[in-house]
Amino acid sequence: MPLDPVIRNGRVEADAWRFLDAAEAAGALPREAIAVPLAVWNARREELLGGHDPIGVWLSPEDDPAALKHDLNLLDLIAVHFPKFADGRGYSTGALLRERFGFVGELRAFGDIGRDHLLQLARCGFDAFTLGPGRDPHAALAAFGEFTVRYQGSVDDRAPLFRKRPALHG
């Protein structure tokens, strides 16, 4: 499941990562930057650690991110799959990985996501994005600058707006 291009650090870049599905990861693993499904990581963890650098894992909406909490320091990338435009479970997965489990590597959203998702995904801790087919990543970059004021706190800025306002003196 190749993902190219990727939005990372405010620009569109070629993607060096190769995403494998379970069938592709059943045989010999390629010697390149790969991301494997959580089930493959669990089954072949030692082999992956011994022969791949960098290494990543991708999570489906049904996967529990807590399954990776003891391995986060071993992973360069965690990607969260959004299989449908309206499936929002990955937002919580991203926030959990960043806030509760302290993951500091690349956190990527991929699948059926578009420009309208990007700002909120970033607010939940995602820092890389691969848009769905037919969506222009260059045009989507504008999504990050559309809103300059945010009312609620989140992973990217914990303080809600009312905490940022100067005190009113009467």
Foldseek 3Di string as FASTA:
>chain_A
DDFPWKQFPLDIDGDQEDEDEPVRLPDDDDAGEYEYEPVSCVVCVVVCLVRYPAYHYEYELPDDLVVCLVPLVNHQEYEYEDADAPDDSVLVVLLCCCPVSNRDHAYEYEHAYALVCPCSSVQSPHRMYGHYPPHDPVVSSCSNVPDDAAQAHGSVGHDGPVVVDDDDDD
